[in-house]
Amino acid sequence: MKITPDEIREIFPLRSMYEQAFFRNFFTQDESAEGLNHSQIITVIILKIEGPLRMSTISEKLNLEKGSFTPVAKRLIELGYIERTRDEQDKRVFNLSLTEEGLVFAEKLKEKHVAYIENLLNIFDQYERERFFKAVSELNVLIGKLL
């Protein structure tokens, strides 16, 4: 079945709108993350939610090339928020994890981010909120089939 130009136009704005609504607008309002860029903050959030991960996994989640992610990790290491350790099974691989200081920072950031999202979604009534989360869940399932 051939995809139509209108269908293509529906796909393109998804990432940008999602990113703008749930992340970029938050980061411009949150002063506690002063000095950190978008990729650095998202890295902290990812590690808070998922725990220690390979550097390559985080760079994929950020949609960054591995070489572009290295300065992101380096800055967070310099600030004492994350640490880099060699993988036990594959010594060529490095894992990143939050330090104690990073955990404290990540928890504060998470609390503010959750409050921001809750406030953002307050424009929805209960029915719209349920529809929103059902649509997001369905979209995640369908996109997961593409990966």
C-alpha atoms as a PDB file:
ATOM      1  CA  MET A   1       0.000   0.000   0.000  1.00  0.00           C
ATOM      2  CA  LYS A   2       1.369   3.403  -1.012  1.00  0.00           C
ATOM      3  CA  ILE A   3       1.759   6.116   1.615  1.00  0.00           C
ATOM      4  CA  THR A   4       0.212   9.469   0.802  1.00  0.00           C
ATOM      5  CA  PRO A   5       1.841  12.907   1.118  1.00  0.00           C
ATOM      6  CA  ASP A   6      -0.716  13.782   3.805  1.00  0.00           C
ATOM      7  CA  GLU A   7       0.306  10.716   5.814  1.00  0.00           C
ATOM      8  CA  ILE A   8       3.974  11.721   5.535  1.00  0.00           C
ATOM      9  CA  ARG A   9       3.095  15.235   6.748  1.00  0.00           C
ATOM     10  CA  GLU A  10       1.455  13.675   9.833  1.00  0.00           C
ATOM     11  CA  ILE A  11       4.663  11.808  10.757  1.00  0.00           C
ATOM     12  CA  PHE A  12       7.223  14.585  10.439  1.00  0.00           C
ATOM     13  CA  PRO A  13       6.111  16.930  13.235  1.00  0.00           C
ATOM     14  CA  LEU A  14       5.764  14.173  15.860  1.00  0.00           C
ATOM     15  CA  ARG A  15       9.302  14.229  17.226  1.00  0.00           C
ATOM     16  CA  SER A  16       9.574  17.987  17.192  1.00  0.00           C
ATOM     17  CA  MET A  17       6.223  18.538  18.924  1.00  0.00           C
ATOM     18  CA  TYR A  18       6.931  15.871  21.549  1.00  0.00           C
ATOM     19  CA  GLU A  19      10.395  17.255  22.210  1.00  0.00           C
ATOM     20  CA  GLN A  20       9.143  20.842  22.414  1.00  0.00           C
ATOM     21  CA  ALA A  21       6.175  20.129  24.675  1.00  0.00           C
ATOM     22  CA  PHE A  22       7.758  17.750  27.159  1.00  0.00           C
ATOM     23  CA  PHE A  23      11.418  18.741  27.206  1.00  0.00           C
ATOM     24  CA  ARG A  24      12.629  21.958  25.551  1.00  0.00           C
ATOM     25  CA  ASN A  25       9.997  24.191  27.143  1.00  0.00           C
ATOM     26  CA  PHE A  26      10.760  22.641  30.537  1.00  0.00           C
ATOM     27  CA  PHE A  27      14.499  23.219  30.219  1.00  0.00           C
ATOM     28  CA  THR A  28      14.062  26.875  29.354  1.00  0.00           C
ATOM     29  CA  GLN A  29      11.982  27.313  32.532  1.00  0.00           C
ATOM     30  CA  ASP A  30      14.122  25.264  34.941  1.00  0.00           C
ATOM     31  CA  GLU A  31      16.975  27.309  36.390  1.00  0.00           C
ATOM     32  CA  SER A  32      18.385  24.458  38.502  1.00  0.00           C
ATOM     33  CA  ALA A  33      19.946  22.974  35.372  1.00  0.00           C
ATOM     34  CA  GLU A  34      21.805  26.172  34.529  1.00  0.00           C
ATOM     35  CA  GLY A  35      24.956  25.457  32.584  1.00  0.00           C
ATOM     36  CA  LEU A  36      23.793  22.079  31.287  1.00  0.00           C
ATOM     37  CA  ASN A  37      22.578  21.652  27.764  1.00  0.00           C
ATOM     38  CA  HIS A  38      19.567  19.668  26.600  1.00  0.00           C
ATOM     39  CA  SER A  39      21.542  16.471  25.883  1.00  0.00           C
ATOM     40  CA  GLN A  40      23.256  16.566  29.269  1.00  0.00           C
ATOM     41  CA  ILE A  41      19.969  16.972  31.138  1.00  0.00           C
ATOM     42  CA  ILE A  42      18.269  14.202  29.161  1.00  0.00           C
ATOM     43  CA  THR A  43      21.262  11.940  29.887  1.00  0.00           C
ATOM     44  CA  VAL A  44      20.773  12.487  33.626  1.00  0.00           C
ATOM     45  CA  ILE A  45      17.040  11.784  33.286  1.00  0.00           C
ATOM     46  CA  ILE A  46      17.663   8.610  31.276  1.00  0.00           C
ATOM     47  CA  LEU A  47      20.138   7.316  33.859  1.00  0.00           C
ATOM     48  CA  LYS A  48      17.720   8.165  36.681  1.00  0.00           C
ATOM     49  CA  ILE A  49      14.886   6.259  35.012  1.00  0.00           C
ATOM     50  CA  GLU A  50      16.802   3.304  33.568  1.00  0.00           C
ATOM     51  CA  GLY A  51      19.898   2.953  35.743  1.00  0.00           C
ATOM     52  CA  PRO A  52      23.435   2.339  34.459  1.00  0.00           C
ATOM     53  CA  LEU A  53      23.659   2.035  30.669  1.00  0.00           C
ATOM     54  CA  ARG A  54      26.249   1.686  27.942  1.00  0.00           C
ATOM     55  CA  MET A  55      27.389   4.953  26.434  1.00  0.00           C
ATOM     56  CA  SER A  56      26.255   3.728  23.020  1.00  0.00           C
ATOM     57  CA  THR A  57      22.755   3.009  24.353  1.00  0.00           C
ATOM     58  CA  ILE A  58      22.413   6.520  25.731  1.00  0.00           C
ATOM     59  CA  SER A  59      23.706   8.099  22.519  1.00  0.00           C
ATOM     60  CA  GLU A  60      21.072   6.126  20.576  1.00  0.00           C
ATOM     61  CA  LYS A  61      18.331   7.314  22.946  1.00  0.00           C
ATOM     62  CA  LEU A  62      19.489  10.898  22.398  1.00  0.00           C
ATOM     63  CA  ASN A  63      19.702  10.347  18.649  1.00  0.00           C
ATOM     64  CA  LEU A  64      23.363  11.382  18.715  1.00  0.00           C
ATOM     65  CA  GLU A  65      26.356   9.821  17.030  1.00  0.00           C
ATOM     66  CA  LYS A  66      28.700   8.148  19.522  1.00  0.00           C
ATOM     67  CA  GLY A  67      31.378  10.781  18.885  1.00  0.00           C
ATOM     68  CA  SER A  68      28.903  13.597  19.521  1.00  0.00           C
ATOM     69  CA  PHE A  69      27.861  12.016  22.808  1.00  0.00           C
ATOM     70  CA  THR A  70      31.406  11.824  24.240  1.00  0.00           C
ATOM     71  CA  PRO A  71      31.536  15.559  25.171  1.00  0.00           C
ATOM     72  CA  VAL A  72      28.102  15.230  26.807  1.00  0.00           C
ATOM     73  CA  ALA A  73      29.350  12.425  29.034  1.00  0.00           C
ATOM     74  CA  LYS A  74      32.680  14.159  29.656  1.00  0.00           C
ATOM     75  CA  ARG A  75      30.975  17.314  30.964  1.00  0.00           C
ATOM     76  CA  LEU A  76      28.703  15.336  33.317  1.00  0.00           C
ATOM     77  CA  ILE A  77      31.729  13.400  34.612  1.00  0.00           C
ATOM     78  CA  GLU A  78      33.603  16.688  35.211  1.00  0.00           C
ATOM     79  CA  LEU A  79      30.619  18.013  37.188  1.00  0.00           C
ATOM     80  CA  GLY A  80      30.569  14.844  39.294  1.00  0.00           C
ATOM     81  CA  TYR A  81      27.057  13.796  38.203  1.00  0.00           C
ATOM     82  CA  ILE A  82      28.013  10.575  36.439  1.00  0.00           C
ATOM     83  CA  GLU A  83      30.835   8.070  36.425  1.00  0.00           C
ATOM     84  CA  ARG A  84      32.171   5.914  33.650  1.00  0.00           C
ATOM     85  CA  THR A  85      33.168   2.298  34.280  1.00  0.00           C
ATOM     86  CA  ARG A  86      34.339  -0.521  32.034  1.00  0.00           C
ATOM     87  CA  ASP A  87      31.832  -3.224  31.271  1.00  0.00           C
ATOM     88  CA  GLU A  88      32.673  -6.459  33.110  1.00  0.00           C
ATOM     89  CA  GLN A  89      31.882  -8.682  30.099  1.00  0.00           C
ATOM     90  CA  ASP A  90      33.392  -6.494  27.360  1.00  0.00           C
ATOM     91  CA  LYS A  91      36.348  -4.320  28.373  1.00  0.00           C
ATOM     92  CA  ARG A  92      35.960  -2.223  25.188  1.00  0.00           C
ATOM     93  CA  VAL A  93      32.582  -0.961  26.403  1.00  0.00           C
ATOM     94  CA  PHE A  94      31.958   1.784  28.946  1.00  0.00           C
ATOM     95  CA  ASN A  95      28.896   2.113  31.137  1.00  0.00           C
ATOM     96  CA  LEU A  96      27.625   5.316  32.671  1.00  0.00           C
ATOM     97  CA  SER A  97      25.885   5.617  36.016  1.00  0.00           C
ATOM     98  CA  LEU A  98      24.835   8.414  38.324  1.00  0.00           C
ATOM     99  CA  THR A  99      27.052   9.293  41.263  1.00  0.00           C
ATOM    100  CA  GLU A 100      25.549  10.126  44.666  1.00  0.00           C
ATOM    101  CA  GLU A 101      25.628  13.806  43.699  1.00  0.00           C
ATOM    102  CA  GLY A 102      24.104  12.913  40.343  1.00  0.00           C
ATOM    103  CA  LEU A 103      21.306  10.960  42.031  1.00  0.00           C
ATOM    104  CA  VAL A 104      20.416  13.957  44.196  1.00  0.00           C
ATOM    105  CA  PHE A 105      20.448  16.283  41.179  1.00  0.00           C
ATOM    106  CA  ALA A 106      18.450  13.781  39.085  1.00  0.00           C
ATOM    107  CA  GLU A 107      15.805  13.365  41.786  1.00  0.00           C
ATOM    108  CA  LYS A 108      15.286  17.135  42.044  1.00  0.00           C
ATOM    109  CA  LEU A 109      15.170  17.409  38.266  1.00  0.00           C
ATOM    110  CA  LYS A 110      12.707  14.507  38.030  1.00  0.00           C
ATOM    111  CA  GLU A 111      10.381  16.010  40.630  1.00  0.00           C
ATOM    112  CA  LYS A 112      10.336  19.334  38.783  1.00  0.00           C
ATOM    113  CA  HIS A 113       9.873  17.626  35.430  1.00  0.00           C
ATOM    114  CA  VAL A 114       6.977  15.485  36.649  1.00  0.00           C
ATOM    115  CA  ALA A 115       5.315  18.591  38.111  1.00  0.00           C
ATOM    116  CA  TYR A 116       5.850  20.395  34.791  1.00  0.00           C
ATOM    117  CA  ILE A 117       4.258  17.511  32.830  1.00  0.00           C
ATOM    118  CA  GLU A 118       1.337  17.265  35.268  1.00  0.00           C
ATOM    119  CA  ASN A 119       0.737  20.995  34.904  1.00  0.00           C
ATOM    120  CA  LEU A 120       1.019  20.746  31.130  1.00  0.00           C
ATOM    121  CA  LEU A 121      -1.535  17.936  30.970  1.00  0.00           C
ATOM    122  CA  ASN A 122      -3.968  19.817  33.197  1.00  0.00           C
ATOM    123  CA  ILE A 123      -5.363  21.447  30.060  1.00  0.00           C
ATOM    124  CA  PHE A 124      -6.978  18.072  29.332  1.00  0.00           C
ATOM    125  CA  ASP A 125     -10.182  16.969  30.969  1.00  0.00           C
ATOM    126  CA  GLN A 126     -10.245  13.369  32.261  1.00  0.00           C
ATOM    127  CA  TYR A 127     -11.550  11.966  28.975  1.00  0.00           C
ATOM    128  CA  GLU A 128      -8.897  13.782  26.908  1.00  0.00           C
ATOM    129  CA  ARG A 129      -6.166  12.685  29.313  1.00  0.00           C
ATOM    130  CA  GLU A 130      -7.224   9.042  28.993  1.00  0.00           C
ATOM    131  CA  ARG A 131      -7.342   9.382  25.191  1.00  0.00           C
ATOM    132  CA  PHE A 132      -3.912  11.000  25.206  1.00  0.00           C
ATOM    133  CA  PHE A 133      -2.257   8.216  27.208  1.00  0.00           C
ATOM    134  CA  LYS A 134      -4.062   5.525  25.213  1.00  0.00           C
ATOM    135  CA  ALA A 135      -2.834   7.129  21.968  1.00  0.00           C
ATOM    136  CA  VAL A 136       0.734   7.441  23.289  1.00  0.00           C
ATOM    137  CA  SER A 137       0.700   3.815  24.413  1.00  0.00           C
ATOM    138  CA  GLU A 138      -0.638   2.638  21.054  1.00  0.00           C
ATOM    139  CA  LEU A 139       1.901   4.738  19.159  1.00  0.00           C
ATOM    140  CA  ASN A 140       4.726   3.276  21.271  1.00  0.00           C
ATOM    141  CA  VAL A 141       3.560  -0.267  20.459  1.00  0.00           C
ATOM    142  CA  LEU A 142       3.246   0.430  16.745  1.00  0.00           C
ATOM    143  CA  ILE A 143       6.578   2.243  16.450  1.00  0.00           C
ATOM    144  CA  GLY A 144       8.180  -0.570  18.449  1.00  0.00           C
ATOM    145  CA  LYS A 145       7.187  -2.932  15.642  1.00  0.00           C
ATOM    146  CA  LEU A 146       9.156  -0.776  13.206  1.00  0.00           C
ATOM    147  CA  LEU A 147      12.379  -0.989  15.211  1.00  0.00           C
END
